Amino acid sequence: MSNENHQIVTPCCSRRHFLQRAGAGFGMLALADLLSSQGLLVPEAQAGEKLINPLAPKAGHFPTKAKSAIWLFMNGGQSQVDT
């Protein structure tokens, strides 16, 4: 019998972890292609060109009447059945 130390080498990531990461990447490629074909993908800016912010507020269909709004966020508030 030899007195050598044998170490078990563990991989940096498992096969399941690799497939999860790679699958998400292919899904994003498919989504980018679908958005591009429908014209919904924001193009990259050329040199000196300003990008349009897709999250910027857009004009509504009807003129606005309200001057202000009150937004109540009640975490743990009453349910819709009780109100």
N, C-alpha and C. Protein backbone atom coordinates (compact mmCIF):
# COMPACT_ATOMS: atom_id res chain seq x y z
N MET A 1 0.83 -1.18 0.00
CA MET A 1 0.00 0.00 0.00
C MET A 1 0.87 1.24 0.00
N SER A 2 0.45 2.18 -0.80
CA SER A 2 1.20 3.43 -0.85
C SER A 2 0.59 4.43 0.12
N ASN A 3 1.40 5.36 0.50
CA ASN A 3 0.99 6.34 1.48
C ASN A 3 0.75 7.70 0.81
N GLU A 4 0.21 7.72 -0.40
CA GLU A 4 0.00 8.97 -1.14
C GLU A 4 -1.34 9.59 -0.75
N ASN A 5 -1.36 10.89 -0.77
CA ASN A 5 -2.62 11.62 -0.52
C ASN A 5 -3.33 11.84 -1.86
N HIS A 6 -4.48 11.25 -1.99
CA HIS A 6 -5.28 11.46 -3.19
C HIS A 6 -6.36 12.48 -2.86
N GLN A 7 -6.40 13.53 -3.63
CA GLN A 7 -7.41 14.57 -3.41
C GLN A 7 -8.48 14.46 -4.49
N ILE A 8 -9.69 14.65 -4.08
CA ILE A 8 -10.80 14.65 -5.02
C ILE A 8 -10.93 16.05 -5.58
N VAL A 9 -10.90 16.15 -6.89
CA VAL A 9 -11.01 17.44 -7.54
C VAL A 9 -12.47 17.71 -7.83
N THR A 10 -12.98 18.81 -7.30
CA THR A 10 -14.38 19.17 -7.56
C THR A 10 -14.40 20.24 -8.64
N PRO A 11 -15.31 20.13 -9.58
CA PRO A 11 -15.38 21.14 -10.64
C PRO A 11 -15.87 22.47 -10.08
N CYS A 12 -15.56 23.54 -10.79
CA CYS A 12 -15.95 24.87 -10.31
C CYS A 12 -17.45 25.06 -10.35
N CYS A 13 -18.12 24.39 -11.27
CA CYS A 13 -19.59 24.47 -11.30
C CYS A 13 -20.14 23.13 -11.79
N SER A 14 -21.36 22.87 -11.41
CA SER A 14 -21.96 21.60 -11.79
C SER A 14 -22.54 21.69 -13.20
N ARG A 15 -22.90 20.57 -13.73
CA ARG A 15 -23.49 20.52 -15.07
C ARG A 15 -24.85 21.23 -15.05
N ARG A 16 -25.60 21.06 -13.97
CA ARG A 16 -26.90 21.72 -13.84
C ARG A 16 -26.74 23.24 -13.82
N HIS A 17 -25.76 23.72 -13.08
CA HIS A 17 -25.50 25.16 -13.02
C HIS A 17 -25.10 25.69 -14.39
N PHE A 18 -24.26 24.97 -15.11
CA PHE A 18 -23.84 25.40 -16.45
C PHE A 18 -25.03 25.48 -17.40
N LEU A 19 -25.91 24.47 -17.37
CA LEU A 19 -27.06 24.45 -18.28
C LEU A 19 -28.05 25.57 -17.94
N GLN A 20 -28.19 25.89 -16.66
CA GLN A 20 -29.06 27.00 -16.28
C GLN A 20 -28.52 28.31 -16.84
N ARG A 21 -27.22 28.51 -16.68
CA ARG A 21 -26.61 29.77 -17.16
C ARG A 21 -26.64 29.84 -18.68
N ALA A 22 -26.33 28.76 -19.36
CA ALA A 22 -26.30 28.75 -20.82
C ALA A 22 -27.71 28.87 -21.38
N GLY A 23 -28.68 28.22 -20.75
CA GLY A 23 -30.06 28.30 -21.21
C GLY A 23 -30.62 29.70 -21.12
N ALA A 24 -30.29 30.41 -20.06
CA ALA A 24 -30.75 31.79 -19.92
C ALA A 24 -30.14 32.67 -21.00
N GLY A 25 -28.90 32.39 -21.37
CA GLY A 25 -28.25 33.17 -22.42
C GLY A 25 -28.91 32.96 -23.76
N PHE A 26 -29.28 31.72 -24.10
CA PHE A 26 -29.95 31.45 -25.36
C PHE A 26 -31.36 32.05 -25.36
N GLY A 27 -31.99 32.06 -24.21
CA GLY A 27 -33.31 32.69 -24.11
C GLY A 27 -33.23 34.18 -24.37
N MET A 28 -32.20 34.84 -23.87
CA MET A 28 -32.03 36.27 -24.11
C MET A 28 -31.73 36.55 -25.58
N LEU A 29 -30.99 35.67 -26.23
CA LEU A 29 -30.74 35.84 -27.66
C LEU A 29 -32.04 35.73 -28.45
N ALA A 30 -32.89 34.77 -28.09
CA ALA A 30 -34.17 34.61 -28.77
C ALA A 30 -35.06 35.82 -28.53
N LEU A 31 -35.08 36.33 -27.30
CA LEU A 31 -35.89 37.51 -26.99
C LEU A 31 -35.40 38.72 -27.77
N ALA A 32 -34.09 38.91 -27.85
CA ALA A 32 -33.55 40.03 -28.61
C ALA A 32 -33.93 39.94 -30.08
N ASP A 33 -33.92 38.74 -30.64
CA ASP A 33 -34.30 38.57 -32.04
C ASP A 33 -35.78 38.87 -32.24
N LEU A 34 -36.64 38.41 -31.33
CA LEU A 34 -38.07 38.70 -31.45
C LEU A 34 -38.36 40.19 -31.34
N LEU A 35 -37.73 40.85 -30.38
CA LEU A 35 -37.93 42.29 -30.21
C LEU A 35 -37.40 43.06 -31.41
N SER A 36 -36.30 42.61 -31.96
CA SER A 36 -35.72 43.29 -33.12
C SER A 36 -36.61 43.14 -34.34
N SER A 37 -37.19 41.97 -34.53
CA SER A 37 -38.05 41.75 -35.70
C SER A 37 -39.34 42.56 -35.61
N GLN A 38 -39.79 42.88 -34.39
CA GLN A 38 -41.00 43.68 -34.21
C GLN A 38 -40.71 45.17 -34.09
N GLY A 39 -39.43 45.53 -34.14
CA GLY A 39 -39.05 46.94 -34.05
C GLY A 39 -39.13 47.50 -32.64
N LEU A 40 -39.13 46.64 -31.64
CA LEU A 40 -39.22 47.09 -30.26
C LEU A 40 -37.87 47.17 -29.55
N LEU A 41 -36.83 46.73 -30.22
CA LEU A 41 -35.51 46.74 -29.62
C LEU A 41 -34.88 48.12 -29.85
N VAL A 42 -34.35 48.71 -28.78
CA VAL A 42 -33.74 50.03 -28.90
C VAL A 42 -32.38 49.88 -29.57
N PRO A 43 -32.14 50.60 -30.66
CA PRO A 43 -30.85 50.48 -31.34
C PRO A 43 -29.74 51.14 -30.52
N GLU A 44 -28.52 50.69 -30.74
CA GLU A 44 -27.39 51.29 -30.05
C GLU A 44 -27.08 52.65 -30.64
N ALA A 45 -26.59 53.57 -29.82
CA ALA A 45 -26.31 54.92 -30.28
C ALA A 45 -25.03 54.95 -31.10
N GLN A 46 -25.07 55.72 -32.15
CA GLN A 46 -23.86 55.96 -32.95
C GLN A 46 -23.05 57.05 -32.27
N ALA A 47 -21.89 57.36 -32.80
CA ALA A 47 -21.02 58.37 -32.20
C ALA A 47 -21.72 59.73 -32.23
N GLY A 48 -21.83 60.35 -31.06
CA GLY A 48 -22.44 61.68 -30.96
C GLY A 48 -23.96 61.67 -31.00
N GLU A 49 -24.59 60.51 -31.00
CA GLU A 49 -26.04 60.42 -31.07
C GLU A 49 -26.59 60.14 -29.68
N LYS A 50 -27.73 60.72 -29.36
CA LYS A 50 -28.34 60.54 -28.06
C LYS A 50 -29.40 59.44 -28.15
N LEU A 51 -29.40 58.51 -27.19
CA LEU A 51 -30.39 57.43 -27.16
C LEU A 51 -31.71 57.93 -26.60
N ILE A 52 -32.79 57.36 -27.09
CA ILE A 52 -34.12 57.66 -26.57
C ILE A 52 -34.37 56.70 -25.40
N ASN A 53 -34.79 57.27 -24.29
CA ASN A 53 -35.05 56.46 -23.10
C ASN A 53 -36.38 55.73 -23.26
N PRO A 54 -36.39 54.38 -23.30
CA PRO A 54 -37.66 53.67 -23.47
C PRO A 54 -38.55 53.75 -22.24
N LEU A 55 -38.00 54.14 -21.09
CA LEU A 55 -38.79 54.23 -19.87
C LEU A 55 -39.29 55.65 -19.60
N ALA A 56 -39.00 56.58 -20.50
CA ALA A 56 -39.45 57.96 -20.32
C ALA A 56 -40.97 58.03 -20.45
N PRO A 57 -41.63 58.92 -19.69
CA PRO A 57 -43.08 59.01 -19.79
C PRO A 57 -43.51 59.46 -21.18
N LYS A 58 -44.57 58.88 -21.66
CA LYS A 58 -45.09 59.21 -22.99
C LYS A 58 -46.40 59.96 -22.84
N ALA A 59 -46.77 60.70 -23.86
CA ALA A 59 -48.03 61.43 -23.83
C ALA A 59 -49.19 60.44 -23.86
N GLY A 60 -50.24 60.75 -23.10
CA GLY A 60 -51.40 59.86 -23.05
C GLY A 60 -52.32 60.06 -24.22
N HIS A 61 -53.34 59.22 -24.30
CA HIS A 61 -54.32 59.31 -25.37
C HIS A 61 -55.28 60.48 -25.15
N PHE A 62 -55.54 60.80 -23.90
CA PHE A 62 -56.48 61.87 -23.56
C PHE A 62 -55.75 62.92 -22.74
N PRO A 63 -56.19 64.18 -22.80
CA PRO A 63 -55.54 65.21 -21.98
C PRO A 63 -55.76 64.92 -20.49
N THR A 64 -54.77 65.24 -19.70
CA THR A 64 -54.85 64.97 -18.26
C THR A 64 -55.68 66.03 -17.56
N LYS A 65 -56.38 65.63 -16.52
CA LYS A 65 -57.21 66.56 -15.74
C LYS A 65 -56.69 66.70 -14.32
N ALA A 66 -56.08 65.65 -13.79
CA ALA A 66 -55.64 65.67 -12.40
C ALA A 66 -54.37 66.49 -12.25
N LYS A 67 -54.30 67.25 -11.19
CA LYS A 67 -53.10 68.03 -10.89
C LYS A 67 -52.14 67.25 -9.99
N SER A 68 -52.70 66.35 -9.19
CA SER A 68 -51.86 65.54 -8.31
C SER A 68 -52.60 64.24 -8.01
N ALA A 69 -51.88 63.31 -7.43
CA ALA A 69 -52.47 62.02 -7.09
C ALA A 69 -51.94 61.59 -5.73
N ILE A 70 -52.74 60.83 -5.03
CA ILE A 70 -52.32 60.27 -3.75
C ILE A 70 -52.23 58.77 -3.93
N TRP A 71 -51.06 58.24 -3.66
CA TRP A 71 -50.83 56.80 -3.81
C TRP A 71 -50.64 56.22 -2.43
N LEU A 72 -51.51 55.30 -2.06
CA LEU A 72 -51.42 54.65 -0.76
C LEU A 72 -50.91 53.22 -0.95
N PHE A 73 -49.77 52.94 -0.37
CA PHE A 73 -49.23 51.58 -0.37
C PHE A 73 -49.30 51.09 1.05
N MET A 74 -50.25 50.20 1.31
CA MET A 74 -50.44 49.71 2.67
C MET A 74 -50.08 48.24 2.71
N ASN A 75 -48.87 47.97 3.10
CA ASN A 75 -48.41 46.60 3.23
C ASN A 75 -49.12 45.98 4.42
N GLY A 76 -49.87 44.93 4.17
CA GLY A 76 -50.62 44.28 5.25
C GLY A 76 -51.93 44.99 5.55
N GLY A 77 -52.41 45.80 4.61
CA GLY A 77 -53.67 46.51 4.79
C GLY A 77 -54.86 45.59 4.63
N GLN A 78 -56.04 46.19 4.51
CA GLN A 78 -57.26 45.42 4.38
C GLN A 78 -57.31 44.71 3.03
N SER A 79 -57.95 43.56 3.01
CA SER A 79 -58.09 42.84 1.75
C SER A 79 -59.25 43.42 0.95
N GLN A 80 -59.32 43.06 -0.33
CA GLN A 80 -60.39 43.57 -1.17
C GLN A 80 -61.76 43.03 -0.74
N VAL A 81 -61.77 41.93 -0.03
CA VAL A 81 -63.05 41.37 0.45
C VAL A 81 -63.61 42.24 1.58
N ASP A 82 -62.72 42.78 2.41
CA ASP A 82 -63.15 43.57 3.57
C ASP A 82 -63.52 44.99 3.21
N THR A 83 -63.06 45.49 2.06
CA THR A 83 -63.31 46.90 1.75
C THR A 83 -64.56 47.11 0.95
